Amino acid sequence: MQVKNTYLLTILLLFIFFSSHCQETEKKTVKQTTSIKKVLPGAYNLSAYLPLLIGKKVALVGNQTSEINGTHLVDTLLKRGIHLLKVFAPEHGFRGQASAGELVTNSRDLKTGLPIISLYGKHKKPTKADLENIDIIVFDIQDVGVRFYTYLSTLHYVMEAAAEQKIPVIVLDRPNPNADYIDGPVMKPSFTSFIGMHPVPVVYGMTIGEYARMINGENWLKNGLKADLKVIPIQNYTHKTVYHLPVKPSPNLPNYQAVRLYPSLCFFEGTDISIGRGTDFPFQVYGSPFLPKSEFSFTPHPNAGSKWPKHNGEKCYGKDLRRISPPLSLNLNWLIKAYHQYPKSKKKQFFNNFFNKLAGNNRLKKAIIKGKSAKQIKIEWKNEIEKFKEIRQKYLLYK
């Protein structure tokens, strides 16, 4: 009887112990889950910048990504009584619907009647007349953290024009979906263009607010100018934060996969290879009518994101990257493989004049032609990346 009672008591104590342990574990799990805070771009922190705009004549540099919980920043500012005079729009226009390279003209916003001034084409920099009567400029555009994405160049010219006219600039910072690594050749000054204005790697690991600080700090504005700059930081963010963009940053980057593949696949824009413009999956595939026939193929046709797609109406064979794990570094293997698979009779037309501008030098093209591997090529830019990291460190706002 005593043995039986002891046995029952042991069972009861074990039950109490495990029940208590499970409850404690559950509490910890709940605590860990609820402690994960939502990433809030700078635009959400209205209390940090609205006081700076009250009573001022304001210009906004923005596009379709300038939003707070689905409401455009233009509407938010007007609703709060801010005297918004005009909007400056980058490549792809104010609503982000124009194809890459397409001319975007000045217009008016149908909803608010505000004048929209295009900062693309021949008019890349605001003029003195554009900024007449403007007291302060707000810049709020979602970047993707890649040197040849032209919103960086628009930022540069806006800061420069503002500095010339002694107008303060507020940058509402937004997360960089490619901020977790740094890779690619550092651009050489002789290859400066609108798709690369600064000596940085292809993937530089900074938010657009941090980048604005670097433009100022490294004296990249002409004549040693410095903008009167204020960055409204992102809340609950680090460079390792996985961030899925709530709005397409441009017509041909429709999802997270495309955004992550963009740094690697954009090199194909400087070749005869299509990256899927004119399909429903741009920057998630690559192919050409001249690559070896395979089970996978696609045929580009004009669509909203690309009115004149490469290899229009031709069946392209290549590689489907829609379901691969997003790259954690710049992938050169696809480019190298495509070059070596291209027919010898057409090798000379593989690269076009755009390639060296994308690369920011003429070394990458030469290395691929010589037959160097991706590993060998990356060793060549290792030292310049380390030097860049030292510069970058001075301007970081996040871990």
Foldseek 3Di string as FASTA:
>chain_A
DVVVVVVVVVVVVVVVVVVVVVVVVVVVVVVVVVPQDDKFFLLVPCVVPVVVQPPFEEEEEAALLCDDPNHHPVVVCVVVVGNYAAYEYEPCGRHQQDAVPDDDQWDADPVPRHTYHYLDDPNVADDPVNCPRGQAYEYEAFDQQFQQPLVLLSLLRDQLRCLVVVHAYEYGWDAHQLQLDAAAFFADCVLDDSRHHGRGGRGHRAISLLVLVLCQVVQSHPPSTHHNYDYRGMPSDFSPDNDWRPDQSHDQQHTSQLSLLCSQCVLQVQFLKAQQAQHPHGSQWIWDLQFDDDPDWDAHDADSHHNPGRNHRHITDGDGRNPPDRDSYHDCPRVLVRLVRGDPVCNVRGGHPCNCSSNSHCVVVVCSVVPHDPVVVRVVRVVVNVVSVVSSVVRHPHD
